[in-house]
Amino acid sequence: MKILLTGSSGQLGKSLIDIKPNNCEIIKPNKNDLDLSNSTECRNIIRNIKPDWLINCGAFTNVDEAESKKDYAMKINADAPSAFAKAIKEEGGFFLQISSDYVFDGTKRNSPYKVHEKRNPQNIYGYSKMKAEESIENILGVTKQGIILRTSWLISPYCKNFVLTMLKLFNSKKDLKVVSDQIGSPTSTNSLSEVCWKIINLKNKDLIFENNRNGLLHWSDNGHTSWFELAKAIRELSQEIGLLEKNIKLIPINTNEYKVAAKRPNYSVLDCSNTKNILNISGNYWKENLKTILQKIL
């Protein structure tokens, strides 16, 4: 099976490559091979390679910077997936698009977002991911060639993410203020990668589209927490395994005390029950996967 993987140098891309099934050949263009801001290049690479699957991990993920670079973020996050979808409709194959909890506004509090709930992004990044979803649904919805997998709060031993940022700050600060009123589910890129490969190797893909014609799925690790509680867990588990020796003081603050360019959803927990049923998996509690990540960093 021939897999075209965009964003292969990112944290999810690296994790997908780490656990690649034996029946898959991965083609991983770098930024010189494929400019995601160029829709023509996006169409041409599908026509030239004709992959069995495209996994689109490539994205403009700097949420705050996207506010001032809207056009560029839209080209990569919205126009590229649209171009991919059009080419895949012409050439055949399947499209797995990685999307985000940030397509929701975060106004819910007590129940996780289901796949069909109204999208209402609060920042440019979320808006660009929503537009990608809409394009894929419009172009590939009838053909069942497009699957959209939303996830949240990605963490891993690779690249740039909250875990690595906290570890760096723990070693350079005496105390640290962390937002305590934004709630979500941390997700190990390893667990997300396992789900991606299970989707691709699923024999009866019609299961994904039952009562779900747009092929929308959710995946995050089990449980939910705040950024503050996640930072506490990183500190405590790092001390437990010997990755961190000092005891930094963590101070909880509210969102309005932490000034950033982009507004974040206050609550973005995803309901993953449908994905678990389709793929026959249960998932791990987020803290278990966090400990595995920290051990790998160590």
C-alpha atoms as a PDB file:
ATOM      1  CA  MET A   1       0.000   0.000   0.000  1.00  0.00           C
ATOM      2  CA  LYS A   2       1.402   3.371  -1.050  1.00  0.00           C
ATOM      3  CA  ILE A   3       0.975   6.154   1.531  1.00  0.00           C
ATOM      4  CA  LEU A   4       1.686   9.813   0.811  1.00  0.00           C
ATOM      5  CA  LEU A   5       2.455  11.519   4.133  1.00  0.00           C
ATOM      6  CA  THR A   6       2.624  15.298   4.435  1.00  0.00           C
ATOM      7  CA  GLY A   7       4.150  16.879   7.526  1.00  0.00           C
ATOM      8  CA  SER A   8       6.467  13.900   8.006  1.00  0.00           C
ATOM      9  CA  SER A   9       8.989  15.986   9.986  1.00  0.00           C
ATOM     10  CA  GLY A  10       6.356  17.057  12.527  1.00  0.00           C
ATOM     11  CA  GLN A  11       5.520  15.265  15.759  1.00  0.00           C
ATOM     12  CA  LEU A  12       2.605  13.269  14.350  1.00  0.00           C
ATOM     13  CA  GLY A  13       4.459  12.511  11.124  1.00  0.00           C
ATOM     14  CA  LYS A  14       7.431  11.138  13.052  1.00  0.00           C
ATOM     15  CA  SER A  15       5.151   8.980  15.203  1.00  0.00           C
ATOM     16  CA  LEU A  16       3.337   7.608  12.144  1.00  0.00           C
ATOM     17  CA  ILE A  17       6.680   6.610  10.644  1.00  0.00           C
ATOM     18  CA  ASP A  18       7.806   5.041  13.968  1.00  0.00           C
ATOM     19  CA  ILE A  19       4.956   2.512  13.960  1.00  0.00           C
ATOM     20  CA  LYS A  20       4.426   2.081  10.210  1.00  0.00           C
ATOM     21  CA  PRO A  21       2.755  -1.255   9.337  1.00  0.00           C
ATOM     22  CA  ASN A  22       4.794  -3.629   7.194  1.00  0.00           C
ATOM     23  CA  ASN A  23       2.248  -3.498   4.379  1.00  0.00           C
ATOM     24  CA  CYS A  24       2.716   0.256   3.877  1.00  0.00           C
ATOM     25  CA  GLU A  25       5.287   2.148   1.820  1.00  0.00           C
ATOM     26  CA  ILE A  26       5.523   5.767   2.965  1.00  0.00           C
ATOM     27  CA  ILE A  27       6.386   8.569   0.558  1.00  0.00           C
ATOM     28  CA  LYS A  28       7.309  11.600   2.647  1.00  0.00           C
ATOM     29  CA  PRO A  29       7.990  14.773   0.637  1.00  0.00           C
ATOM     30  CA  ASN A  30       9.882  17.541   2.418  1.00  0.00           C
ATOM     31  CA  LYS A  31       9.183  21.250   2.022  1.00  0.00           C
ATOM     32  CA  ASN A  32      11.397  21.405  -1.069  1.00  0.00           C
ATOM     33  CA  ASP A  33       9.450  18.572  -2.687  1.00  0.00           C
ATOM     34  CA  LEU A  34       6.015  19.945  -1.822  1.00  0.00           C
ATOM     35  CA  ASP A  35       4.993  23.504  -0.966  1.00  0.00           C
ATOM     36  CA  LEU A  36       1.662  23.180   0.853  1.00  0.00           C
ATOM     37  CA  SER A  37       0.915  26.840   0.166  1.00  0.00           C
ATOM     38  CA  ASN A  38       0.878  26.051  -3.573  1.00  0.00           C
ATOM     39  CA  SER A  39      -2.373  24.357  -4.606  1.00  0.00           C
ATOM     40  CA  THR A  40      -0.997  23.411  -8.015  1.00  0.00           C
ATOM     41  CA  GLU A  41       1.843  21.467  -6.405  1.00  0.00           C
ATOM     42  CA  CYS A  42      -0.673  19.767  -4.097  1.00  0.00           C
ATOM     43  CA  ARG A  43      -2.772  18.603  -7.055  1.00  0.00           C
ATOM     44  CA  ASN A  44       0.257  17.530  -9.086  1.00  0.00           C
ATOM     45  CA  ILE A  45       1.821  15.362  -6.389  1.00  0.00           C
ATOM     46  CA  ILE A  46      -1.387  13.320  -6.167  1.00  0.00           C
ATOM     47  CA  ARG A  47      -1.518  12.972  -9.970  1.00  0.00           C
ATOM     48  CA  ASN A  48       2.134  11.950 -10.152  1.00  0.00           C
ATOM     49  CA  ILE A  49       2.300   9.548  -7.202  1.00  0.00           C
ATOM     50  CA  LYS A  50      -1.289   8.253  -7.240  1.00  0.00           C
ATOM     51  CA  PRO A  51      -1.173   7.127  -3.583  1.00  0.00           C
ATOM     52  CA  ASP A  52      -3.568   4.589  -2.142  1.00  0.00           C
ATOM     53  CA  TRP A  53      -3.864   6.935   0.848  1.00  0.00           C
ATOM     54  CA  LEU A  54      -2.912  10.504   1.628  1.00  0.00           C
ATOM     55  CA  ILE A  55      -2.404  11.289   5.321  1.00  0.00           C
ATOM     56  CA  ASN A  56      -2.341  15.064   5.620  1.00  0.00           C
ATOM     57  CA  CYS A  57      -0.478  15.980   8.828  1.00  0.00           C
ATOM     58  CA  GLY A  58       1.051  19.063   7.263  1.00  0.00           C
ATOM     59  CA  ALA A  59      -0.387  22.253   8.712  1.00  0.00           C
ATOM     60  CA  PHE A  60       0.328  25.779   9.891  1.00  0.00           C
ATOM     61  CA  THR A  61       0.002  25.026  13.600  1.00  0.00           C
ATOM     62  CA  ASN A  62       1.189  28.230  15.285  1.00  0.00           C
ATOM     63  CA  VAL A  63      -2.231  29.324  16.529  1.00  0.00           C
ATOM     64  CA  ASP A  64      -1.189  32.848  17.545  1.00  0.00           C
ATOM     65  CA  GLU A  65       0.932  33.537  14.478  1.00  0.00           C
ATOM     66  CA  ALA A  66      -1.960  32.489  12.247  1.00  0.00           C
ATOM     67  CA  GLU A  67      -3.844  35.580  13.419  1.00  0.00           C
ATOM     68  CA  SER A  68      -1.327  37.852  11.687  1.00  0.00           C
ATOM     69  CA  LYS A  69      -0.598  35.469   8.778  1.00  0.00           C
ATOM     70  CA  LYS A  70      -4.169  34.594   7.859  1.00  0.00           C
ATOM     71  CA  ASP A  71      -3.641  34.276   4.096  1.00  0.00           C
ATOM     72  CA  TYR A  72      -0.655  31.982   4.470  1.00  0.00           C
ATOM     73  CA  ALA A  73      -2.368  29.857   7.141  1.00  0.00           C
ATOM     74  CA  MET A  74      -5.450  29.533   4.926  1.00  0.00           C
ATOM     75  CA  LYS A  75      -3.369  28.410   1.944  1.00  0.00           C
ATOM     76  CA  ILE A  76      -1.739  25.611   3.937  1.00  0.00           C
ATOM     77  CA  ASN A  77      -4.610  24.583   6.208  1.00  0.00           C
ATOM     78  CA  ALA A  78      -7.618  25.074   3.905  1.00  0.00           C
ATOM     79  CA  ASP A  79      -6.580  25.440   0.245  1.00  0.00           C
ATOM     80  CA  ALA A  80      -4.105  22.520   0.254  1.00  0.00           C
ATOM     81  CA  PRO A  81      -6.656  19.982   1.581  1.00  0.00           C
ATOM     82  CA  SER A  82      -9.169  21.242  -0.985  1.00  0.00           C
ATOM     83  CA  ALA A  83      -6.638  20.726  -3.792  1.00  0.00           C
ATOM     84  CA  PHE A  84      -5.748  17.276  -2.458  1.00  0.00           C
ATOM     85  CA  ALA A  85      -9.427  16.289  -2.329  1.00  0.00           C
ATOM     86  CA  LYS A  86     -10.065  17.368  -5.932  1.00  0.00           C
ATOM     87  CA  ALA A  87      -7.049  15.403  -7.194  1.00  0.00           C
ATOM     88  CA  ILE A  88      -7.980  12.299  -5.183  1.00  0.00           C
ATOM     89  CA  LYS A  89     -11.504  12.415  -6.596  1.00  0.00           C
ATOM     90  CA  GLU A  90      -9.965  12.389 -10.084  1.00  0.00           C
ATOM     91  CA  GLU A  91      -7.179   9.859  -9.488  1.00  0.00           C
ATOM     92  CA  GLY A  92      -8.714   7.534  -6.882  1.00  0.00           C
ATOM     93  CA  GLY A  93      -7.407   6.609  -3.448  1.00  0.00           C
ATOM     94  CA  PHE A  94      -8.381   7.778   0.031  1.00  0.00           C
ATOM     95  CA  PHE A  95      -7.720  10.910   2.062  1.00  0.00           C
ATOM     96  CA  LEU A  96      -7.181  11.011   5.847  1.00  0.00           C
ATOM     97  CA  GLN A  97      -7.249  14.639   7.007  1.00  0.00           C
ATOM     98  CA  ILE A  98      -6.028  15.476  10.517  1.00  0.00           C
ATOM     99  CA  SER A  99      -8.241  18.172  11.991  1.00  0.00           C
ATOM    100  CA  SER A 100      -8.648  19.900  15.332  1.00  0.00           C
ATOM    101  CA  ASP A 101     -10.801  20.448  18.402  1.00  0.00           C
ATOM    102  CA  TYR A 102     -10.395  24.160  17.637  1.00  0.00           C
ATOM    103  CA  VAL A 103     -13.205  23.948  15.062  1.00  0.00           C
ATOM    104  CA  PHE A 104     -15.516  24.198  18.114  1.00  0.00           C
ATOM    105  CA  ASP A 105     -16.148  27.344  20.143  1.00  0.00           C
ATOM    106  CA  GLY A 106     -15.646  25.775  23.575  1.00  0.00           C
ATOM    107  CA  THR A 107     -18.868  27.049  25.108  1.00  0.00           C
ATOM    108  CA  LYS A 108     -19.933  23.578  26.279  1.00  0.00           C
ATOM    109  CA  ARG A 109     -18.913  22.523  29.772  1.00  0.00           C
ATOM    110  CA  ASN A 110     -20.177  19.168  30.882  1.00  0.00           C
ATOM    111  CA  SER A 111     -20.365  16.928  27.801  1.00  0.00           C
ATOM    112  CA  PRO A 112     -17.765  16.219  25.118  1.00  0.00           C
ATOM    113  CA  TYR A 113     -18.286  17.439  21.557  1.00  0.00           C
ATOM    114  CA  LYS A 114     -19.824  14.861  19.226  1.00  0.00           C
ATOM    115  CA  VAL A 115     -18.744  14.717  15.595  1.00  0.00           C
ATOM    116  CA  HIS A 116     -21.849  16.408  14.169  1.00  0.00           C
ATOM    117  CA  GLU A 117     -22.063  19.341  16.564  1.00  0.00           C
ATOM    118  CA  LYS A 118     -21.959  22.829  15.128  1.00  0.00           C
ATOM    119  CA  ARG A 119     -18.552  24.155  14.158  1.00  0.00           C
ATOM    120  CA  ASN A 120     -17.887  27.682  15.359  1.00  0.00           C
ATOM    121  CA  PRO A 121     -14.131  28.358  15.538  1.00  0.00           C
ATOM    122  CA  GLN A 122     -12.855  31.247  17.640  1.00  0.00           C
ATOM    123  CA  ASN A 123      -9.532  31.857  15.871  1.00  0.00           C
ATOM    124  CA  ILE A 124      -7.992  31.801  12.384  1.00  0.00           C
ATOM    125  CA  TYR A 125      -6.334  28.425  12.920  1.00  0.00           C
ATOM    126  CA  GLY A 126      -9.666  26.825  13.847  1.00  0.00           C
ATOM    127  CA  TYR A 127     -11.401  28.602  10.964  1.00  0.00           C
ATOM    128  CA  SER A 128      -8.822  27.302   8.474  1.00  0.00           C
ATOM    129  CA  LYS A 129      -9.267  23.733   9.736  1.00  0.00           C
ATOM    130  CA  MET A 130     -13.043  24.096   9.482  1.00  0.00           C
ATOM    131  CA  LYS A 131     -12.798  25.298   5.858  1.00  0.00           C
ATOM    132  CA  ALA A 132     -10.641  22.244   5.081  1.00  0.00           C
ATOM    133  CA  GLU A 133     -13.287  19.984   6.581  1.00  0.00           C
ATOM    134  CA  GLU A 134     -16.022  21.648   4.541  1.00  0.00           C
ATOM    135  CA  SER A 135     -14.062  21.275   1.294  1.00  0.00           C
ATOM    136  CA  ILE A 136     -13.355  17.594   1.885  1.00  0.00           C
ATOM    137  CA  GLU A 137     -16.992  16.953   2.773  1.00  0.00           C
ATOM    138  CA  ASN A 138     -18.225  18.763  -0.344  1.00  0.00           C
ATOM    139  CA  ILE A 139     -15.737  17.134  -2.725  1.00  0.00           C
ATOM    140  CA  LEU A 140     -15.437  13.593  -1.335  1.00  0.00           C
ATOM    141  CA  GLY A 141     -18.516  13.180   0.858  1.00  0.00           C
ATOM    142  CA  VAL A 142     -20.505  11.225  -1.734  1.00  0.00           C
ATOM    143  CA  THR A 143     -17.568   9.048  -2.793  1.00  0.00           C
ATOM    144  CA  LYS A 144     -16.577   7.961   0.752  1.00  0.00           C
ATOM    145  CA  GLN A 145     -12.935   8.679  -0.079  1.00  0.00           C
ATOM    146  CA  GLY A 146     -12.391  11.313   2.610  1.00  0.00           C
ATOM    147  CA  ILE A 147     -12.095  10.741   6.364  1.00  0.00           C
ATOM    148  CA  ILE A 148     -11.622  13.635   8.785  1.00  0.00           C
ATOM    149  CA  LEU A 149      -9.992  12.793  12.113  1.00  0.00           C
ATOM    150  CA  ARG A 150     -10.180  15.535  14.743  1.00  0.00           C
ATOM    151  CA  THR A 151      -7.813  15.451  17.681  1.00  0.00           C
ATOM    152  CA  SER A 152      -6.672  17.698  20.537  1.00  0.00           C
ATOM    153  CA  TRP A 153      -3.671  18.885  22.571  1.00  0.00           C
ATOM    154  CA  LEU A 154      -1.007  16.783  20.824  1.00  0.00           C
ATOM    155  CA  ILE A 155       2.008  15.800  22.926  1.00  0.00           C
ATOM    156  CA  SER A 156       5.071  13.707  22.084  1.00  0.00           C
ATOM    157  CA  PRO A 157       8.851  13.436  22.571  1.00  0.00           C
ATOM    158  CA  TYR A 158       9.315  15.298  19.277  1.00  0.00           C
ATOM    159  CA  CYS A 159       9.415  18.818  17.858  1.00  0.00           C
ATOM    160  CA  LYS A 160       7.507  21.551  19.707  1.00  0.00           C
ATOM    161  CA  ASN A 161       4.648  20.828  22.088  1.00  0.00           C
ATOM    162  CA  PHE A 162       3.432  21.601  25.604  1.00  0.00           C
ATOM    163  CA  VAL A 163       5.432  18.816  27.280  1.00  0.00           C
ATOM    164  CA  LEU A 164       8.775  19.850  25.811  1.00  0.00           C
ATOM    165  CA  THR A 165       8.024  23.531  26.416  1.00  0.00           C
ATOM    166  CA  MET A 166       7.251  22.848  30.082  1.00  0.00           C
ATOM    167  CA  LEU A 167      10.404  20.780  30.586  1.00  0.00           C
ATOM    168  CA  LYS A 168      12.484  23.595  29.130  1.00  0.00           C
ATOM    169  CA  LEU A 169      10.783  26.180  31.352  1.00  0.00           C
ATOM    170  CA  PHE A 170      11.077  23.967  34.447  1.00  0.00           C
ATOM    171  CA  ASN A 171      14.848  24.068  34.027  1.00  0.00           C
ATOM    172  CA  SER A 172      15.032  27.836  33.570  1.00  0.00           C
ATOM    173  CA  LYS A 173      12.350  29.279  35.895  1.00  0.00           C
ATOM    174  CA  LYS A 174      11.691  29.340  39.639  1.00  0.00           C
ATOM    175  CA  ASP A 175       7.940  29.659  39.222  1.00  0.00           C
ATOM    176  CA  LEU A 176       5.576  29.463  36.289  1.00  0.00           C
ATOM    177  CA  LYS A 177       2.046  30.711  35.626  1.00  0.00           C
ATOM    178  CA  VAL A 178      -0.181  28.295  33.702  1.00  0.00           C
ATOM    179  CA  VAL A 179      -3.773  28.700  32.493  1.00  0.00           C
ATOM    180  CA  SER A 180      -6.170  26.655  34.610  1.00  0.00           C
ATOM    181  CA  ASP A 181      -9.585  27.335  33.048  1.00  0.00           C
ATOM    182  CA  GLN A 182      -9.123  25.803  29.591  1.00  0.00           C
ATOM    183  CA  ILE A 183     -10.196  22.151  29.555  1.00  0.00           C
ATOM    184  CA  GLY A 184      -9.264  19.520  26.985  1.00  0.00           C
ATOM    185  CA  SER A 185      -7.788  16.079  26.453  1.00  0.00           C
ATOM    186  CA  PRO A 186      -4.034  15.638  25.908  1.00  0.00           C
ATOM    187  CA  THR A 187      -3.334  13.201  23.084  1.00  0.00           C
ATOM    188  CA  SER A 188      -0.168  11.197  22.554  1.00  0.00           C
ATOM    189  CA  THR A 189       0.909  11.256  18.915  1.00  0.00           C
ATOM    190  CA  ASN A 190       1.687   7.572  19.312  1.00  0.00           C
ATOM    191  CA  SER A 191      -1.911   6.735  20.229  1.00  0.00           C
ATOM    192  CA  LEU A 192      -3.184   8.966  17.419  1.00  0.00           C
ATOM    193  CA  SER A 193      -0.822   7.236  14.978  1.00  0.00           C
ATOM    194  CA  GLU A 194      -2.166   3.846  16.011  1.00  0.00           C
ATOM    195  CA  VAL A 195      -5.676   5.081  15.255  1.00  0.00           C
ATOM    196  CA  CYS A 196      -4.598   6.424  11.844  1.00  0.00           C
ATOM    197  CA  TRP A 197      -3.121   3.063  10.852  1.00  0.00           C
ATOM    198  CA  LYS A 198      -6.189   1.205  12.137  1.00  0.00           C
ATOM    199  CA  ILE A 199      -8.403   3.430   9.978  1.00  0.00           C
ATOM    200  CA  ILE A 200      -6.249   2.759   6.912  1.00  0.00           C
ATOM    201  CA  ASN A 201      -6.212  -1.006   7.503  1.00  0.00           C
ATOM    202  CA  LEU A 202      -9.919  -1.209   8.387  1.00  0.00           C
ATOM    203  CA  LYS A 203     -11.447  -3.802   6.040  1.00  0.00           C
ATOM    204  CA  ASN A 204     -15.008  -2.473   6.190  1.00  0.00           C
ATOM    205  CA  LYS A 205     -14.638   1.279   5.767  1.00  0.00           C
ATOM    206  CA  ASP A 206     -18.396   1.640   5.317  1.00  0.00           C
ATOM    207  CA  LEU A 207     -18.594   1.398   9.126  1.00  0.00           C
ATOM    208  CA  ILE A 208     -17.082   4.907   9.302  1.00  0.00           C
ATOM    209  CA  PHE A 209     -19.833   6.348   7.104  1.00  0.00           C
ATOM    210  CA  GLU A 210     -22.827   4.736   8.803  1.00  0.00           C
ATOM    211  CA  ASN A 211     -25.017   7.622  10.023  1.00  0.00           C
ATOM    212  CA  ASN A 212     -21.946   9.781   9.315  1.00  0.00           C
ATOM    213  CA  ARG A 213     -21.839  10.497   5.586  1.00  0.00           C
ATOM    214  CA  ASN A 214     -18.953  12.978   5.927  1.00  0.00           C
ATOM    215  CA  GLY A 215     -16.605  10.470   7.553  1.00  0.00           C
ATOM    216  CA  LEU A 216     -15.964  12.511  10.719  1.00  0.00           C
ATOM    217  CA  LEU A 217     -14.102  10.853  13.593  1.00  0.00           C
ATOM    218  CA  HIS A 218     -12.653  12.026  16.913  1.00  0.00           C
ATOM    219  CA  TRP A 219      -9.617  10.774  18.796  1.00  0.00           C
ATOM    220  CA  SER A 220      -7.961  11.911  22.000  1.00  0.00           C
ATOM    221  CA  ASP A 221      -6.597  10.090  25.021  1.00  0.00           C
ATOM    222  CA  ASN A 222      -9.060   9.173  27.767  1.00  0.00           C
ATOM    223  CA  GLY A 223      -9.978  11.721  30.426  1.00  0.00           C
ATOM    224  CA  HIS A 224      -9.629  15.479  30.405  1.00  0.00           C
ATOM    225  CA  THR A 225      -7.679  18.118  32.290  1.00  0.00           C
ATOM    226  CA  SER A 226      -6.548  21.754  32.270  1.00  0.00           C
ATOM    227  CA  TRP A 227      -3.221  23.121  31.057  1.00  0.00           C
ATOM    228  CA  PHE A 228      -2.358  23.788  34.711  1.00  0.00           C
ATOM    229  CA  GLU A 229      -3.096  20.227  35.810  1.00  0.00           C
ATOM    230  CA  LEU A 230      -1.208  18.905  32.788  1.00  0.00           C
ATOM    231  CA  ALA A 231       1.805  21.004  33.770  1.00  0.00           C
ATOM    232  CA  LYS A 232       1.570  19.606  37.326  1.00  0.00           C
ATOM    233  CA  ALA A 233       1.489  16.061  35.984  1.00  0.00           C
ATOM    234  CA  ILE A 234       4.523  16.730  33.771  1.00  0.00           C
ATOM    235  CA  ARG A 235       6.411  18.095  36.803  1.00  0.00           C
ATOM    236  CA  GLU A 236       5.454  15.241  39.114  1.00  0.00           C
ATOM    237  CA  LEU A 237       6.029  12.399  36.656  1.00  0.00           C
ATOM    238  CA  SER A 238       9.333  13.933  35.512  1.00  0.00           C
ATOM    239  CA  GLN A 239      10.520  14.070  39.123  1.00  0.00           C
ATOM    240  CA  GLU A 240       9.328  10.509  39.705  1.00  0.00           C
ATOM    241  CA  ILE A 241      11.407   9.067  36.846  1.00  0.00           C
ATOM    242  CA  GLY A 242      14.447  11.299  37.394  1.00  0.00           C
ATOM    243  CA  LEU A 243      13.979  13.552  34.388  1.00  0.00           C
ATOM    244  CA  LEU A 244      13.582  16.649  36.608  1.00  0.00           C
ATOM    245  CA  GLU A 245      15.336  17.332  39.901  1.00  0.00           C
ATOM    246  CA  LYS A 246      14.220  20.836  40.887  1.00  0.00           C
ATOM    247  CA  ASN A 247      10.765  21.615  42.249  1.00  0.00           C
ATOM    248  CA  ILE A 248       9.345  24.560  40.317  1.00  0.00           C
ATOM    249  CA  LYS A 249       6.316  26.387  41.705  1.00  0.00           C
ATOM    250  CA  LEU A 250       3.253  26.355  39.429  1.00  0.00           C
ATOM    251  CA  ILE A 251       0.703  29.166  39.724  1.00  0.00           C
ATOM    252  CA  PRO A 252      -2.798  28.757  38.230  1.00  0.00           C
ATOM    253  CA  ILE A 253      -4.159  31.741  36.290  1.00  0.00           C
ATOM    254  CA  ASN A 254      -7.294  32.476  34.260  1.00  0.00           C
ATOM    255  CA  THR A 255      -7.339  32.847  30.488  1.00  0.00           C
ATOM    256  CA  ASN A 256      -7.853  36.599  30.701  1.00  0.00           C
ATOM    257  CA  GLU A 257      -4.581  36.922  32.633  1.00  0.00           C
ATOM    258  CA  TYR A 258      -2.583  35.274  29.837  1.00  0.00           C
ATOM    259  CA  LYS A 259      -2.427  37.592  26.848  1.00  0.00           C
ATOM    260  CA  VAL A 260      -2.128  35.864  23.468  1.00  0.00           C
ATOM    261  CA  ALA A 261      -3.200  36.842  19.957  1.00  0.00           C
ATOM    262  CA  ALA A 262      -5.664  33.995  19.370  1.00  0.00           C
ATOM    263  CA  LYS A 263      -8.689  33.140  21.479  1.00  0.00           C
ATOM    264  CA  ARG A 264      -8.801  29.496  22.623  1.00  0.00           C
ATOM    265  CA  PRO A 265     -11.904  27.411  23.378  1.00  0.00           C
ATOM    266  CA  ASN A 266     -12.465  27.081  27.126  1.00  0.00           C
ATOM    267  CA  TYR A 267     -13.704  23.504  26.732  1.00  0.00           C
ATOM    268  CA  SER A 268     -12.797  21.294  23.783  1.00  0.00           C
ATOM    269  CA  VAL A 269     -13.129  17.698  24.991  1.00  0.00           C
ATOM    270  CA  LEU A 270     -13.996  15.350  22.109  1.00  0.00           C
ATOM    271  CA  ASP A 271     -16.430  12.430  22.227  1.00  0.00           C
ATOM    272  CA  CYS A 272     -14.438   9.489  20.828  1.00  0.00           C
ATOM    273  CA  SER A 273     -17.010   6.741  21.457  1.00  0.00           C
ATOM    274  CA  ASN A 274     -17.845   6.244  17.769  1.00  0.00           C
ATOM    275  CA  THR A 275     -14.170   5.797  16.828  1.00  0.00           C
ATOM    276  CA  LYS A 276     -13.671   3.318  19.676  1.00  0.00           C
ATOM    277  CA  ASN A 277     -16.657   1.282  18.518  1.00  0.00           C
ATOM    278  CA  ILE A 278     -15.660   1.250  14.847  1.00  0.00           C
ATOM    279  CA  LEU A 279     -12.019   0.340  15.498  1.00  0.00           C
ATOM    280  CA  ASN A 280     -12.726  -1.866  18.546  1.00  0.00           C
ATOM    281  CA  ILE A 281     -10.256  -0.017  20.781  1.00  0.00           C
ATOM    282  CA  SER A 282     -10.488   1.448  24.272  1.00  0.00           C
ATOM    283  CA  GLY A 283      -7.579   3.922  24.509  1.00  0.00           C
ATOM    284  CA  ASN A 284      -5.393   4.847  27.486  1.00  0.00           C
ATOM    285  CA  TYR A 285      -5.814   7.463  30.176  1.00  0.00           C
ATOM    286  CA  TRP A 286      -3.869  10.587  29.192  1.00  0.00           C
ATOM    287  CA  LYS A 287      -1.557  10.398  32.205  1.00  0.00           C
ATOM    288  CA  GLU A 288      -0.406   6.891  31.265  1.00  0.00           C
ATOM    289  CA  ASN A 289       0.564   8.069  27.794  1.00  0.00           C
ATOM    290  CA  LEU A 290       2.239  11.166  29.240  1.00  0.00           C
ATOM    291  CA  LYS A 291       4.469   8.956  31.416  1.00  0.00           C
ATOM    292  CA  THR A 292       5.462   6.899  28.366  1.00  0.00           C
ATOM    293  CA  ILE A 293       6.402  10.109  26.517  1.00  0.00           C
ATOM    294  CA  LEU A 294       8.509  11.348  29.444  1.00  0.00           C
ATOM    295  CA  GLN A 295      10.287   8.002  29.702  1.00  0.00           C
ATOM    296  CA  LYS A 296      11.115   8.192  25.997  1.00  0.00           C
ATOM    297  CA  ILE A 297      12.471  11.730  26.464  1.00  0.00           C
ATOM    298  CA  LEU A 298      14.593  10.481  29.374  1.00  0.00           C
END
